[in-house]
Amino acid sequence: MTPSRPAAPASTAALFTGQSQQRRITITWEDADIADVLASFAEISGRTIVRGKAVTGTVSAEIKDQPWDVAMKAILDAHGLAATEEASGIIVVDSYENILQRQSSEPLTTQMVGINYVSAASLVEIVRGLLSKDCAAGASAQSGQSSGTPNCITRGNVVSDSGTNSLIISEVNSRMPGLMQYLRQLDVRTPQVHLKAKIISVSRTAIEQLGLSYDLGSAAAYFNNLIPRNRPGGETADDREGRITLGGEVLAGVGNASRKYKNGAALNLLFSTALGKYSLTAFLDALHEQQLSDIQAEPSITTLDNREAKILVGEETPVRVIDAGAASQIGVPARANVQFKETGIILTVTPHITNNRQIRMSISAEQSELRIIGGDLGFTIPKRNANTQLLVSDGETAVIGGLTQTQIVKNKSGIPLLSDLPLIGRLFSQTDTREEKRDLLIMITPHIIDEGEAIRPPNHDQH
């Protein structure tokens, strides 16, 4: 059986790792001596390249706009050669067999490497796969068994120290620079995302009583283009100014014309609606000024990229639970224990930063409450859920709607004492039943925190 070619030394992989940022070259060789080719690479790169005795032959290659290290690795791979970098920075080119033989006899050195951004324990197995191997010793340990692939034994070792978050690496000295370069590419800062949420409760019933009907969407989806009136004198008005003459019909079309609105946000809402330039901020400001909405919470949290962040605006309610299984056994009394149930508004966000600095968010919103019911059932927890994935820009606000809560409210009024009389008490009392709907709007604004940027505390001056 013909033995397979030995695996490339791990130092070769460590020497040419990642996306190369080296000088790009365009060159052609035709039956050129490989010694001259390596001399050209030494001149182009400004590095010292030493070739072994086994490095012979000619090279025919056409390189077009490639980094010099990528081109050199491709040529070496095609000729069964490899490159290692010494601790001094000198690059040695030789055959796989010669490099492995030198590494198998080279003494080991131990170095402690501090890790900054990731767990050192998570890198142990990755580094262990890059350590030098003694294939000759592994072949002799097979006790005479024939195999096409030698059983290589790892010479070095790597362990992690949790106290200092460091790696302790034992490896041949010639391979240490390559390992250090590889570790620098793995030990990178994980980006952080600051999430600012605003949870708003809107009275849909009160809004509809004013003659308003709203929904979330873009201006193009809900409004037609509007041609503004000309100014006095025949000059054409510029609709970008955001001004329009509001007549009675226009005002009645967007709200109750008989209702008096204060100057400010409410009037801005009418302008935005009439112009077809839908502004959610102006809409919410108008509702808040008219006491039609309530900001329940404005939490903010910072999390790592691809890590889940959870916000709970509510409470953990203790619930007494009876163990029915224990009660069914003869002579065993029923056991009761207390469990805590999270109720309120639960918001779970997992952000992911894309390569173009946009943010993809996986969002799960839940609104729940604890209701006591009659009988032996104890309680029930009505829930409203919304799950979505969306892509926003840095600092852009995403809005989640559709969490509507409907309540039946009964109000009884009447003449004291007389309304409590049996049978005839209904003649002196009145019961009003109305349905009240409240919408829950959740606004989430993500922001990418760059290295060195301070996390600003939330601004509590805004309502």
Foldseek 3Di string as FASTA:
>chain_A
DAADFADAALQQDLVDDDDDPADWDWDWFDFAWVVVVVVVLCVRRVAAEAEDPQRTGGDGDTGDGGHSSVVVSVRQVVVQKGWFAAPVRYIYIYHRVVVLVVQVPFAKDKDKFFFDADALQVCQVVVQVNARWNQVVQQVVVVPDDDSHGDTHGDKHWDADRVRSIIIIIHGRRRVVSSVSVSVVVRDHFWKKKKKKWKKKFWPVVQVVFVADDDDDALVVPHDADQADADPPRHGDDCVVLDHDDDPVLVVNHGRSVDDADPDLLVVCSSCVSRSNHDVVSVVVRCVVVVRMDTQDIDMDMDTAQDKDKDADFDWDKDKDWDVVQCPDPPGHIDIDIDTDRAAKMKMWHWHQDPVRKIKIWIKIKHWDWAADDDPPGIDIDMDMDTDIDIGHAFDKDKDKDPKDKDKDKDKDFDPPCLPDPPCNVVGMDIDIDIIMMIMMMIMHMHIADPPRDDDDDDPPPD
